[in-house]
Amino acid sequence: MVESFRIGNKVKQQTLLNLGAEFSIPREYWGELTNRIEAILHHQPNLLPLDETIEAEAQRIASNLLLRKKNMRRVMSAWRQQIIAR
């Protein structure tokens, strides 16, 4: 999974999460999966019924992304404190 962002007039992509070789959701469901992950990350309820397997995978991936974001904030905060202390 990647996140696209703009720096000046260039579009860059950053890998957020490698789903790995064991990722078993069929390609035709990737759109539903990514929409649900985005909804979870933005604290939006699921308005439409979704396959239990896709919902479970979306919850798992969203949890991993949130944990990674939290850890990154902690690292950046420690890094800033080290720079300020110098």
N, C-alpha and C. Protein backbone atom coordinates (compact mmCIF):
# COMPACT_ATOMS: atom_id res chain seq x y z
N MET A 1 0.85 -1.17 0.00
CA MET A 1 0.00 0.00 0.00
C MET A 1 0.90 1.23 0.00
N VAL A 2 0.53 2.19 -0.83
CA VAL A 2 1.31 3.41 -0.92
C VAL A 2 0.42 4.62 -0.68
N GLU A 3 1.05 5.70 -0.29
CA GLU A 3 0.38 6.98 -0.12
C GLU A 3 1.02 7.93 -1.12
N SER A 4 0.19 8.64 -1.87
CA SER A 4 0.69 9.63 -2.82
C SER A 4 0.61 11.00 -2.18
N PHE A 5 1.62 11.82 -2.42
CA PHE A 5 1.62 13.18 -1.92
C PHE A 5 2.39 14.05 -2.88
N ARG A 6 2.20 15.34 -2.77
CA ARG A 6 2.80 16.28 -3.69
C ARG A 6 3.87 17.10 -2.98
N ILE A 7 5.01 17.22 -3.64
CA ILE A 7 6.09 18.10 -3.19
C ILE A 7 6.33 19.06 -4.35
N GLY A 8 5.93 20.31 -4.15
CA GLY A 8 6.00 21.27 -5.25
C GLY A 8 5.06 20.82 -6.34
N ASN A 9 5.58 20.66 -7.55
CA ASN A 9 4.73 20.21 -8.65
C ASN A 9 4.99 18.74 -9.00
N LYS A 10 5.65 18.02 -8.13
CA LYS A 10 5.93 16.60 -8.35
C LYS A 10 5.10 15.73 -7.41
N VAL A 11 4.63 14.60 -7.93
CA VAL A 11 3.88 13.65 -7.11
C VAL A 11 4.84 12.54 -6.69
N LYS A 12 4.88 12.29 -5.40
CA LYS A 12 5.74 11.24 -4.84
C LYS A 12 4.86 10.17 -4.20
N GLN A 13 5.42 9.00 -4.03
CA GLN A 13 4.72 7.92 -3.33
C GLN A 13 5.61 7.36 -2.24
N GLN A 14 4.98 7.05 -1.12
CA GLN A 14 5.69 6.46 0.00
C GLN A 14 4.98 5.15 0.34
N THR A 15 5.75 4.09 0.49
CA THR A 15 5.17 2.81 0.88
C THR A 15 4.73 2.89 2.33
N LEU A 16 3.47 2.59 2.56
CA LEU A 16 2.93 2.58 3.91
C LEU A 16 3.02 1.19 4.53
N LEU A 17 2.73 0.18 3.72
CA LEU A 17 2.67 -1.16 4.25
C LEU A 17 2.85 -2.16 3.12
N ASN A 18 3.73 -3.12 3.30
CA ASN A 18 3.90 -4.19 2.33
C ASN A 18 2.94 -5.30 2.75
N LEU A 19 2.02 -5.63 1.87
CA LEU A 19 1.01 -6.63 2.21
C LEU A 19 1.57 -8.04 2.22
N GLY A 20 2.69 -8.25 1.58
CA GLY A 20 3.37 -9.54 1.65
C GLY A 20 2.82 -10.59 0.69
N ALA A 21 3.54 -11.66 0.57
CA ALA A 21 3.20 -12.75 -0.35
C ALA A 21 1.98 -13.53 0.12
N GLU A 22 1.68 -13.47 1.39
CA GLU A 22 0.56 -14.23 1.95
C GLU A 22 -0.77 -13.49 1.81
N PHE A 23 -0.79 -12.32 1.21
CA PHE A 23 -2.01 -11.54 1.04
C PHE A 23 -2.97 -12.29 0.14
N SER A 24 -4.16 -12.61 0.65
CA SER A 24 -5.03 -13.54 -0.07
C SER A 24 -6.32 -12.92 -0.61
N ILE A 25 -6.52 -11.63 -0.44
CA ILE A 25 -7.74 -11.00 -0.95
C ILE A 25 -7.64 -10.90 -2.48
N PRO A 26 -8.60 -11.44 -3.21
CA PRO A 26 -8.55 -11.37 -4.68
C PRO A 26 -8.56 -9.92 -5.18
N ARG A 27 -7.88 -9.70 -6.26
CA ARG A 27 -7.70 -8.36 -6.83
C ARG A 27 -9.03 -7.61 -7.03
N GLU A 28 -10.09 -8.33 -7.40
CA GLU A 28 -11.37 -7.65 -7.67
C GLU A 28 -11.98 -7.02 -6.41
N TYR A 29 -11.47 -7.36 -5.22
CA TYR A 29 -11.97 -6.80 -3.97
C TYR A 29 -11.04 -5.71 -3.40
N TRP A 30 -9.94 -5.44 -4.06
CA TRP A 30 -8.99 -4.46 -3.54
C TRP A 30 -9.61 -3.07 -3.39
N GLY A 31 -10.48 -2.68 -4.30
CA GLY A 31 -11.13 -1.37 -4.21
C GLY A 31 -11.98 -1.28 -2.95
N GLU A 32 -12.80 -2.31 -2.69
CA GLU A 32 -13.62 -2.34 -1.47
C GLU A 32 -12.73 -2.31 -0.23
N LEU A 33 -11.66 -3.09 -0.28
CA LEU A 33 -10.75 -3.18 0.86
C LEU A 33 -10.11 -1.82 1.15
N THR A 34 -9.58 -1.17 0.12
CA THR A 34 -8.91 0.12 0.36
C THR A 34 -9.90 1.18 0.79
N ASN A 35 -11.12 1.15 0.24
CA ASN A 35 -12.14 2.12 0.69
C ASN A 35 -12.47 1.92 2.16
N ARG A 36 -12.57 0.66 2.57
CA ARG A 36 -12.90 0.38 3.98
C ARG A 36 -11.75 0.77 4.89
N ILE A 37 -10.51 0.51 4.46
CA ILE A 37 -9.35 0.91 5.28
C ILE A 37 -9.35 2.42 5.47
N GLU A 38 -9.58 3.15 4.39
CA GLU A 38 -9.62 4.61 4.48
C GLU A 38 -10.73 5.08 5.42
N ALA A 39 -11.89 4.44 5.33
CA ALA A 39 -12.99 4.80 6.22
C ALA A 39 -12.62 4.55 7.69
N ILE A 40 -11.99 3.42 7.95
CA ILE A 40 -11.57 3.11 9.33
C ILE A 40 -10.58 4.16 9.82
N LEU A 41 -9.61 4.51 8.99
CA LEU A 41 -8.60 5.49 9.39
C LEU A 41 -9.19 6.86 9.65
N HIS A 42 -10.32 7.16 9.01
CA HIS A 42 -10.98 8.46 9.20
C HIS A 42 -12.18 8.35 10.15
N HIS A 43 -12.25 7.24 10.88
CA HIS A 43 -13.28 7.01 11.90
C HIS A 43 -14.69 7.11 11.34
N GLN A 44 -14.89 6.59 10.12
CA GLN A 44 -16.21 6.59 9.49
C GLN A 44 -16.82 5.20 9.60
N PRO A 45 -18.11 5.13 9.89
CA PRO A 45 -18.76 3.82 10.01
C PRO A 45 -18.90 3.16 8.65
N ASN A 46 -19.06 1.85 8.67
CA ASN A 46 -19.30 1.08 7.45
C ASN A 46 -20.80 1.14 7.16
N LEU A 47 -21.17 1.79 6.06
CA LEU A 47 -22.59 1.96 5.75
C LEU A 47 -23.17 0.82 4.92
N LEU A 48 -22.32 0.13 4.20
CA LEU A 48 -22.78 -0.97 3.34
C LEU A 48 -22.27 -2.29 3.87
N PRO A 49 -23.07 -3.36 3.69
CA PRO A 49 -22.58 -4.67 4.14
C PRO A 49 -21.31 -5.05 3.38
N LEU A 50 -20.39 -5.65 4.09
CA LEU A 50 -19.11 -6.02 3.52
C LEU A 50 -18.79 -7.45 3.91
N ASP A 51 -18.18 -8.19 3.03
CA ASP A 51 -17.77 -9.55 3.31
C ASP A 51 -16.94 -9.58 4.59
N GLU A 52 -17.20 -10.56 5.45
CA GLU A 52 -16.50 -10.65 6.75
C GLU A 52 -14.98 -10.73 6.58
N THR A 53 -14.52 -11.44 5.56
CA THR A 53 -13.08 -11.58 5.33
C THR A 53 -12.46 -10.24 4.97
N ILE A 54 -13.14 -9.48 4.11
CA ILE A 54 -12.63 -8.16 3.73
C ILE A 54 -12.64 -7.21 4.92
N GLU A 55 -13.71 -7.25 5.71
CA GLU A 55 -13.79 -6.40 6.91
C GLU A 55 -12.67 -6.73 7.88
N ALA A 56 -12.44 -8.00 8.12
CA ALA A 56 -11.39 -8.42 9.05
C ALA A 56 -10.02 -7.97 8.55
N GLU A 57 -9.78 -8.13 7.25
CA GLU A 57 -8.49 -7.72 6.68
C GLU A 57 -8.33 -6.20 6.74
N ALA A 58 -9.41 -5.47 6.47
CA ALA A 58 -9.37 -4.01 6.56
C ALA A 58 -9.06 -3.56 7.98
N GLN A 59 -9.68 -4.20 8.95
CA GLN A 59 -9.41 -3.86 10.36
C GLN A 59 -7.96 -4.15 10.72
N ARG A 60 -7.45 -5.28 10.26
CA ARG A 60 -6.05 -5.67 10.55
C ARG A 60 -5.07 -4.67 9.94
N ILE A 61 -5.28 -4.34 8.67
CA ILE A 61 -4.38 -3.43 7.98
C ILE A 61 -4.45 -2.03 8.60
N ALA A 62 -5.66 -1.55 8.89
CA ALA A 62 -5.82 -0.23 9.50
C ALA A 62 -5.12 -0.17 10.85
N SER A 63 -5.23 -1.24 11.63
CA SER A 63 -4.54 -1.29 12.94
C SER A 63 -3.04 -1.19 12.76
N ASN A 64 -2.51 -1.92 11.77
CA ASN A 64 -1.07 -1.86 11.49
C ASN A 64 -0.64 -0.46 11.08
N LEU A 65 -1.43 0.18 10.23
CA LEU A 65 -1.10 1.53 9.78
C LEU A 65 -1.14 2.53 10.93
N LEU A 66 -2.16 2.42 11.79
CA LEU A 66 -2.26 3.32 12.94
C LEU A 66 -1.11 3.12 13.91
N LEU A 67 -0.73 1.88 14.14
CA LEU A 67 0.40 1.58 15.03
C LEU A 67 1.69 2.13 14.44
N ARG A 68 1.87 1.94 13.15
CA ARG A 68 3.08 2.45 12.49
C ARG A 68 3.15 3.98 12.58
N LYS A 69 2.01 4.63 12.38
CA LYS A 69 1.95 6.10 12.47
C LYS A 69 2.28 6.57 13.89
N LYS A 70 1.74 5.86 14.88
CA LYS A 70 2.01 6.20 16.28
C LYS A 70 3.50 6.04 16.60
N ASN A 71 4.09 4.94 16.14
CA ASN A 71 5.51 4.71 16.37
C ASN A 71 6.36 5.76 15.67
N MET A 72 5.97 6.16 14.46
CA MET A 72 6.71 7.18 13.72
C MET A 72 6.67 8.51 14.47
N ARG A 73 5.51 8.86 15.03
CA ARG A 73 5.41 10.10 15.82
C ARG A 73 6.36 10.05 17.02
N ARG A 74 6.43 8.89 17.66
CA ARG A 74 7.29 8.74 18.83
C ARG A 74 8.76 8.90 18.43
N VAL A 75 9.16 8.31 17.32
CA VAL A 75 10.53 8.41 16.83
C VAL A 75 10.86 9.86 16.48
N MET A 76 9.94 10.52 15.76
CA MET A 76 10.17 11.91 15.36
C MET A 76 10.26 12.83 16.58
N SER A 77 9.46 12.58 17.59
CA SER A 77 9.50 13.39 18.81
C SER A 77 10.84 13.21 19.51
N ALA A 78 11.31 11.98 19.63
CA ALA A 78 12.61 11.73 20.26
C ALA A 78 13.73 12.37 19.45
N TRP A 79 13.63 12.29 18.13
CA TRP A 79 14.63 12.88 17.25
C TRP A 79 14.68 14.40 17.43
N ARG A 80 13.51 15.05 17.50
CA ARG A 80 13.45 16.50 17.72
C ARG A 80 14.08 16.88 19.06
N GLN A 81 13.77 16.10 20.09
CA GLN A 81 14.31 16.39 21.42
C GLN A 81 15.83 16.29 21.42
N GLN A 82 16.39 15.33 20.69
CA GLN A 82 17.83 15.19 20.61
C GLN A 82 18.46 16.40 19.91
N ILE A 83 17.79 16.87 18.86
CA ILE A 83 18.33 18.02 18.14
C ILE A 83 18.28 19.27 19.01
N ILE A 84 17.17 19.45 19.73
CA ILE A 84 17.04 20.62 20.60
C ILE A 84 18.08 20.59 21.72
N ALA A 85 18.37 19.39 22.24
CA ALA A 85 19.31 19.24 23.36
C ALA A 85 20.75 19.56 22.95
N ARG A 86 21.04 19.52 21.66
CA ARG A 86 22.43 19.77 21.21
C ARG A 86 22.80 21.18 21.32
